[in-house]
Amino acid sequence: MGIQDIIQGKKQWRAHVARVQALPPDYQIVYKEIQRYLFKVGPIDLPDGHLLSGLVDFFEEGVAAGKGVLGLIGNDVAAFCDDLVKDSRTNADIYQESISGIPGTAEK
């Protein structure tokens, strides 16, 4: 990864953050909770994927349609997040494998 890649990545992230900040306050709160959840237990390919930008697209469509954020995702934010990553290998899966002693993982 060269310096140009790092600079380009920062520009993309700043543009993403600006899109989030343009959302209504209730959408921003829910987005930040989803982001926190995904960074903690989300898919291991989260930095490479387009999950967060797709989520902002989804929220922008909801705003344009005049819907409330909980009308889009439901009352259980964690369940919504789990549905987003249900077919992906997560950090939680890796941790569970490491403590269960599955062959091929590091032992303590």
C-alpha atoms as a PDB file:
ATOM      1  CA  MET A   1       0.000   0.000   0.000  1.00  0.00           C
ATOM      2  CA  GLY A   2       1.560   3.230  -1.128  1.00  0.00           C
ATOM      3  CA  ILE A   3       1.113   6.746   0.099  1.00  0.00           C
ATOM      4  CA  GLN A   4      -1.272   7.533  -2.764  1.00  0.00           C
ATOM      5  CA  ASP A   5      -3.510   4.632  -1.699  1.00  0.00           C
ATOM      6  CA  ILE A   6      -3.586   5.959   1.848  1.00  0.00           C
ATOM      7  CA  ILE A   7      -4.419   9.471   0.669  1.00  0.00           C
ATOM      8  CA  GLN A   8      -7.166   8.168  -1.622  1.00  0.00           C
ATOM      9  CA  GLY A   9      -8.591   6.046   1.203  1.00  0.00           C
ATOM     10  CA  LYS A  10      -8.720   9.061   3.508  1.00  0.00           C
ATOM     11  CA  LYS A  11     -10.483  11.133   0.853  1.00  0.00           C
ATOM     12  CA  GLN A  12     -13.082   8.400   0.363  1.00  0.00           C
ATOM     13  CA  TRP A  13     -13.620   8.050   4.116  1.00  0.00           C
ATOM     14  CA  ARG A  14     -14.040  11.813   4.569  1.00  0.00           C
ATOM     15  CA  ALA A  15     -16.591  11.894   1.741  1.00  0.00           C
ATOM     16  CA  HIS A  16     -18.420   9.000   3.415  1.00  0.00           C
ATOM     17  CA  VAL A  17     -18.454  10.804   6.778  1.00  0.00           C
ATOM     18  CA  ALA A  18     -19.790  13.948   5.084  1.00  0.00           C
ATOM     19  CA  ARG A  19     -22.676  11.904   3.649  1.00  0.00           C
ATOM     20  CA  VAL A  20     -23.459  10.545   7.115  1.00  0.00           C
ATOM     21  CA  GLN A  21     -23.394  14.040   8.604  1.00  0.00           C
ATOM     22  CA  ALA A  22     -25.889  15.198   5.975  1.00  0.00           C
ATOM     23  CA  LEU A  23     -28.453  12.675   7.289  1.00  0.00           C
ATOM     24  CA  PRO A  24     -31.088  13.721   9.860  1.00  0.00           C
ATOM     25  CA  PRO A  25     -29.986  13.355  13.515  1.00  0.00           C
ATOM     26  CA  ASP A  26     -31.975  10.172  14.204  1.00  0.00           C
ATOM     27  CA  TYR A  27     -30.435   8.489  11.160  1.00  0.00           C
ATOM     28  CA  GLN A  28     -26.965   9.592  12.289  1.00  0.00           C
ATOM     29  CA  ILE A  29     -27.467   8.077  15.735  1.00  0.00           C
ATOM     30  CA  VAL A  30     -28.608   4.751  14.334  1.00  0.00           C
ATOM     31  CA  TYR A  31     -25.829   4.753  11.718  1.00  0.00           C
ATOM     32  CA  LYS A  32     -23.191   5.294  14.422  1.00  0.00           C
ATOM     33  CA  GLU A  33     -24.614   2.459  16.509  1.00  0.00           C
ATOM     34  CA  ILE A  34     -24.600   0.144  13.478  1.00  0.00           C
ATOM     35  CA  GLN A  35     -21.058   1.223  12.630  1.00  0.00           C
ATOM     36  CA  ARG A  36     -19.909   0.558  16.217  1.00  0.00           C
ATOM     37  CA  TYR A  37     -21.569  -2.852  16.160  1.00  0.00           C
ATOM     38  CA  LEU A  38     -20.073  -3.800  12.796  1.00  0.00           C
ATOM     39  CA  PHE A  39     -16.575  -2.642  13.752  1.00  0.00           C
ATOM     40  CA  LYS A  40     -16.787  -4.772  16.898  1.00  0.00           C
ATOM     41  CA  VAL A  41     -18.301  -8.022  15.583  1.00  0.00           C
ATOM     42  CA  GLY A  42     -18.816  -7.366  11.906  1.00  0.00           C
ATOM     43  CA  PRO A  43     -17.402  -9.121   8.898  1.00  0.00           C
ATOM     44  CA  ILE A  44     -13.644  -9.389   8.629  1.00  0.00           C
ATOM     45  CA  ASP A  45     -13.812  -7.954   5.110  1.00  0.00           C
ATOM     46  CA  LEU A  46     -15.653  -4.811   6.279  1.00  0.00           C
ATOM     47  CA  PRO A  47     -12.813  -2.416   5.361  1.00  0.00           C
ATOM     48  CA  ASP A  48     -12.635  -3.852   1.830  1.00  0.00           C
ATOM     49  CA  GLY A  49     -16.367  -4.056   1.220  1.00  0.00           C
ATOM     50  CA  HIS A  50     -19.048  -1.547   0.513  1.00  0.00           C
ATOM     51  CA  LEU A  51     -21.348  -2.393   3.399  1.00  0.00           C
ATOM     52  CA  LEU A  52     -21.185   0.994   5.115  1.00  0.00           C
ATOM     53  CA  SER A  53     -21.579   3.026   1.923  1.00  0.00           C
ATOM     54  CA  GLY A  54     -24.499   0.794   0.943  1.00  0.00           C
ATOM     55  CA  LEU A  55     -26.042   1.466   4.332  1.00  0.00           C
ATOM     56  CA  VAL A  56     -25.746   5.226   3.766  1.00  0.00           C
ATOM     57  CA  ASP A  57     -27.371   4.783   0.335  1.00  0.00           C
ATOM     58  CA  PHE A  58     -30.225   2.876   2.007  1.00  0.00           C
ATOM     59  CA  PHE A  59     -30.628   5.599   4.632  1.00  0.00           C
ATOM     60  CA  GLU A  60     -30.580   8.376   2.023  1.00  0.00           C
ATOM     61  CA  GLU A  61     -33.377   6.601   0.152  1.00  0.00           C
ATOM     62  CA  GLY A  62     -35.345   6.366   3.405  1.00  0.00           C
ATOM     63  CA  VAL A  63     -34.900  10.075   4.045  1.00  0.00           C
ATOM     64  CA  ALA A  64     -36.015  10.884   0.491  1.00  0.00           C
ATOM     65  CA  ALA A  65     -39.109   8.717   0.996  1.00  0.00           C
ATOM     66  CA  GLY A  66     -39.901  10.511   4.267  1.00  0.00           C
ATOM     67  CA  LYS A  67     -39.586   7.392   6.421  1.00  0.00           C
ATOM     68  CA  GLY A  68     -38.243   7.273   9.942  1.00  0.00           C
ATOM     69  CA  VAL A  69     -35.087   5.279  10.501  1.00  0.00           C
ATOM     70  CA  LEU A  70     -36.800   2.717  12.730  1.00  0.00           C
ATOM     71  CA  GLY A  71     -39.437   2.297  10.031  1.00  0.00           C
ATOM     72  CA  LEU A  72     -36.644   1.165   7.717  1.00  0.00           C
ATOM     73  CA  ILE A  73     -34.669  -1.140   9.962  1.00  0.00           C
ATOM     74  CA  GLY A  74     -37.101  -2.069  12.739  1.00  0.00           C
ATOM     75  CA  ASN A  75     -36.804  -1.553  16.484  1.00  0.00           C
ATOM     76  CA  ASP A  76     -33.945  -4.022  17.030  1.00  0.00           C
ATOM     77  CA  VAL A  77     -30.773  -2.505  15.594  1.00  0.00           C
ATOM     78  CA  ALA A  78     -28.628  -5.501  16.592  1.00  0.00           C
ATOM     79  CA  ALA A  79     -30.955  -7.910  14.759  1.00  0.00           C
ATOM     80  CA  PHE A  80     -30.740  -5.686  11.669  1.00  0.00           C
ATOM     81  CA  CYS A  81     -26.934  -5.799  11.888  1.00  0.00           C
ATOM     82  CA  ASP A  82     -26.953  -9.563  12.330  1.00  0.00           C
ATOM     83  CA  ASP A  83     -29.039  -9.894   9.174  1.00  0.00           C
ATOM     84  CA  LEU A  84     -26.538  -7.718   7.289  1.00  0.00           C
ATOM     85  CA  VAL A  85     -23.615  -9.986   8.137  1.00  0.00           C
ATOM     86  CA  LYS A  86     -25.332 -13.375   8.479  1.00  0.00           C
ATOM     87  CA  ASP A  87     -23.452 -14.939   5.543  1.00  0.00           C
ATOM     88  CA  SER A  88     -20.061 -13.388   6.339  1.00  0.00           C
ATOM     89  CA  ARG A  89     -17.279 -14.599   8.584  1.00  0.00           C
ATOM     90  CA  THR A  90     -17.098 -12.218  11.527  1.00  0.00           C
ATOM     91  CA  ASN A  91     -14.570 -11.224  14.163  1.00  0.00           C
ATOM     92  CA  ALA A  92     -16.844 -12.931  16.686  1.00  0.00           C
ATOM     93  CA  ASP A  93     -16.537 -16.199  14.723  1.00  0.00           C
ATOM     94  CA  ILE A  94     -12.751 -15.958  14.780  1.00  0.00           C
ATOM     95  CA  TYR A  95     -12.766 -15.304  18.518  1.00  0.00           C
ATOM     96  CA  GLN A  96     -15.148 -18.202  19.154  1.00  0.00           C
ATOM     97  CA  GLU A  97     -12.913 -20.548  17.152  1.00  0.00           C
ATOM     98  CA  SER A  98      -9.833 -19.414  19.076  1.00  0.00           C
ATOM     99  CA  ILE A  99     -11.357 -20.174  22.487  1.00  0.00           C
ATOM    100  CA  SER A 100     -13.019 -23.433  21.462  1.00  0.00           C
ATOM    101  CA  GLY A 101      -9.769 -25.122  20.394  1.00  0.00           C
ATOM    102  CA  ILE A 102     -10.791 -25.857  16.833  1.00  0.00           C
ATOM    103  CA  PRO A 103      -7.809 -27.336  14.939  1.00  0.00           C
ATOM    104  CA  GLY A 104      -5.956 -24.824  12.848  1.00  0.00           C
ATOM    105  CA  THR A 105      -6.337 -21.995  15.326  1.00  0.00           C
ATOM    106  CA  ALA A 106      -3.787 -20.656  17.755  1.00  0.00           C
ATOM    107  CA  GLU A 107      -3.803 -22.320  21.153  1.00  0.00           C
ATOM    108  CA  LYS A 108      -3.354 -20.542  24.453  1.00  0.00           C
END
